Amino acid sequence: MSYKSKRNNIKSILIMAMVLMFSSTVSATAQRIVRLTVLENGTEQPVVSAVVTYADNEAMQNPRHAVTDTEGTAKLELTSGNTAYYYKVDYVGFVPATGIIKPEDSAKSIYMKEDVLGLNEVVITGSQTARPLKLSAVTTQVLGGKQLGEAG
């Protein structure tokens, strides 16, 4: 291999390395991470496994999703650094919470209110062997398929 061809190979390797470094720098600056902490209003206990839906438009088109961890925190990876994002947090038994993440936000706390009218308690019991209702440990009501269909 001649000196000139070695020099050209080294040049092309250096150019490729510079392009890779530049592209990784551009992609790193274009993204930002926001930590969204979801807490129960009043007790300030973390809400574990709440679903966070977020998008860069108010209509929530092309949304992304995250789930809170045991600390009630979700890590949102926002692709646009200087754009406001809209979010909605859902969890069973709580009123959905919505809001805006501003471009300058790096962390945000959300307080969810309990939905006292939204859920009624349902207890389902079952056994492998048939037994008379009067021998059940709790008050039991048997519903047939027709009754379940009518109830909706």
Protein backbone atom coordinates (compact mmCIF):
# COMPACT_ATOMS: atom_id res chain seq x y z
CA MET A 1 0.00 0.00 0.00
CA SER A 2 1.42 3.35 -0.98
CA TYR A 3 1.93 6.34 1.28
CA LYS A 4 -0.76 8.29 -0.60
CA SER A 5 -3.43 5.58 -0.21
CA LYS A 6 -2.62 5.19 3.53
CA ARG A 7 -2.96 8.94 3.93
CA ASN A 8 -6.34 8.91 2.13
CA ASN A 9 -7.56 6.06 4.37
CA ILE A 10 -6.54 7.93 7.50
CA LYS A 11 -8.24 11.07 6.17
CA SER A 12 -11.51 9.25 5.50
CA ILE A 13 -11.42 7.61 8.96
CA LEU A 14 -10.90 11.00 10.60
CA ILE A 15 -13.73 12.54 8.59
CA MET A 16 -16.07 9.68 9.56
CA ALA A 17 -15.12 10.06 13.23
CA MET A 18 -15.79 13.80 13.12
CA VAL A 19 -19.17 13.26 11.44
CA LEU A 20 -20.15 10.71 14.09
CA MET A 21 -19.08 13.01 16.93
CA PHE A 22 -20.98 15.94 15.43
CA SER A 23 -24.16 13.92 14.86
CA SER A 24 -24.15 12.53 18.41
CA THR A 25 -23.68 16.06 19.79
CA VAL A 26 -26.60 17.35 17.72
CA SER A 27 -28.90 14.53 18.80
CA ALA A 28 -27.89 14.92 22.46
CA THR A 29 -28.71 18.63 22.47
CA ALA A 30 -32.02 18.12 20.69
CA GLN A 31 -33.35 15.86 23.46
CA ARG A 32 -34.16 16.70 27.03
CA ILE A 33 -35.37 14.58 29.92
CA VAL A 34 -38.04 15.76 32.35
CA ARG A 35 -38.77 13.89 35.57
CA LEU A 36 -42.50 13.93 36.31
CA THR A 37 -43.39 12.86 39.87
CA VAL A 38 -47.01 11.81 40.50
CA LEU A 39 -48.24 12.06 44.09
CA GLU A 40 -51.57 11.53 45.82
CA ASN A 41 -53.15 14.83 46.87
CA GLY A 42 -53.25 15.18 50.65
CA THR A 43 -51.01 12.24 51.60
CA GLU A 44 -48.23 13.04 49.10
CA GLN A 45 -47.67 9.30 48.67
CA PRO A 46 -46.24 8.27 45.27
CA VAL A 47 -48.71 6.93 42.73
CA VAL A 48 -47.05 3.78 41.38
CA SER A 49 -47.76 2.59 37.81
CA ALA A 50 -49.68 5.69 36.72
CA VAL A 51 -49.72 6.08 32.93
CA VAL A 52 -48.35 9.36 31.60
CA THR A 53 -49.31 10.27 28.03
CA TYR A 54 -47.50 13.25 26.50
CA ALA A 55 -47.17 14.99 23.16
CA ASP A 56 -45.87 18.24 21.69
CA ASN A 57 -49.38 19.31 20.62
CA GLU A 58 -52.55 20.01 22.58
CA ALA A 59 -54.59 17.54 20.50
CA MET A 60 -52.23 14.80 21.81
CA GLN A 61 -51.54 13.51 18.29
CA ASN A 62 -48.63 11.04 18.03
CA PRO A 63 -48.38 10.68 21.82
CA ARG A 64 -45.62 8.98 23.77
CA HIS A 65 -46.18 7.09 27.02
CA ALA A 66 -44.36 6.50 30.29
CA VAL A 67 -45.23 4.68 33.52
CA THR A 68 -44.32 5.87 37.01
CA ASP A 69 -41.93 3.77 39.09
CA THR A 70 -42.06 2.90 42.81
CA GLU A 71 -41.12 6.49 43.66
CA GLY A 72 -44.01 7.80 41.53
CA THR A 73 -41.55 9.21 38.98
CA ALA A 74 -41.73 8.89 35.20
CA LYS A 75 -38.84 9.90 32.95
CA LEU A 76 -40.15 11.74 29.89
CA GLU A 77 -37.82 11.89 26.90
CA LEU A 78 -38.77 15.03 25.01
CA THR A 79 -37.39 15.19 21.49
CA SER A 80 -37.73 18.93 21.03
CA GLY A 81 -35.74 21.05 23.45
CA ASN A 82 -37.58 24.37 23.14
CA THR A 83 -41.19 23.21 22.73
CA ALA A 84 -43.91 22.99 25.37
CA TYR A 85 -45.37 19.50 25.86
CA TYR A 86 -48.86 18.56 27.00
CA TYR A 87 -49.46 15.64 29.36
CA LYS A 88 -52.26 13.57 30.82
CA VAL A 89 -51.80 11.27 33.83
CA ASP A 90 -54.26 8.39 34.36
CA TYR A 91 -54.61 5.98 37.26
CA VAL A 92 -57.55 3.84 38.37
CA GLY A 93 -59.48 5.50 41.20
CA PHE A 94 -58.11 8.99 40.52
CA VAL A 95 -59.30 11.95 38.46
CA PRO A 96 -57.05 12.27 35.37
CA ALA A 97 -54.55 15.14 35.67
CA THR A 98 -53.54 17.27 32.68
CA GLY A 99 -51.09 20.10 32.21
CA ILE A 100 -48.19 21.62 30.29
CA ILE A 101 -44.46 21.00 30.55
CA LYS A 102 -42.69 24.26 29.72
CA PRO A 103 -39.37 24.30 27.84
CA GLU A 104 -37.50 25.38 30.98
CA ASP A 105 -38.93 22.56 33.17
CA SER A 106 -36.57 19.73 34.12
CA ALA A 107 -38.77 18.30 36.91
CA LYS A 108 -42.44 18.64 37.78
CA SER A 109 -44.72 17.29 40.53
CA ILE A 110 -48.34 16.35 39.82
CA TYR A 111 -50.91 15.89 42.59
CA MET A 112 -53.77 13.55 41.72
CA LYS A 113 -57.15 13.71 43.46
CA GLU A 114 -59.04 10.57 44.41
CA ASP A 115 -62.16 9.95 42.32
CA VAL A 116 -64.62 9.09 45.10
CA LEU A 117 -67.58 8.74 42.74
CA GLY A 118 -65.82 6.86 39.97
CA LEU A 119 -65.31 3.46 41.58
CA ASN A 120 -67.55 1.20 43.59
CA GLU A 121 -66.17 -1.76 45.45
CA VAL A 122 -66.62 -5.10 43.74
CA VAL A 123 -65.87 -8.38 45.48
CA ILE A 124 -65.80 -11.57 43.46
CA THR A 125 -65.53 -14.94 45.17
CA GLY A 126 -65.43 -18.37 43.66
CA SER A 127 -64.91 -21.97 44.57
CA GLN A 128 -64.09 -25.14 42.73
CA THR A 129 -66.91 -27.10 44.27
CA ALA A 130 -70.55 -26.16 44.31
CA ARG A 131 -72.00 -25.39 47.72
CA PRO A 132 -75.22 -23.85 49.01
CA LEU A 133 -75.33 -20.03 49.21
CA LYS A 134 -76.21 -20.12 52.90
CA LEU A 135 -72.80 -21.72 53.63
CA SER A 136 -70.87 -18.82 52.03
CA ALA A 137 -68.70 -16.73 54.36
CA VAL A 138 -70.03 -13.45 52.94
CA THR A 139 -73.35 -12.22 51.60
CA THR A 140 -73.56 -13.60 48.08
CA GLN A 141 -75.76 -12.75 45.14
CA VAL A 142 -75.83 -14.91 42.02
CA LEU A 143 -76.28 -13.12 38.71
CA GLY A 144 -77.09 -14.97 35.52
CA GLY A 145 -75.98 -14.07 32.02
CA LYS A 146 -79.25 -12.29 31.22
CA GLN A 147 -78.98 -10.09 34.34
CA LEU A 148 -75.37 -9.21 33.58
CA GLY A 149 -76.31 -8.26 30.01
CA GLU A 150 -79.15 -6.02 31.20
CA ALA A 151 -76.91 -4.34 33.77
CA GLY A 152 -74.48 -3.32 31.04
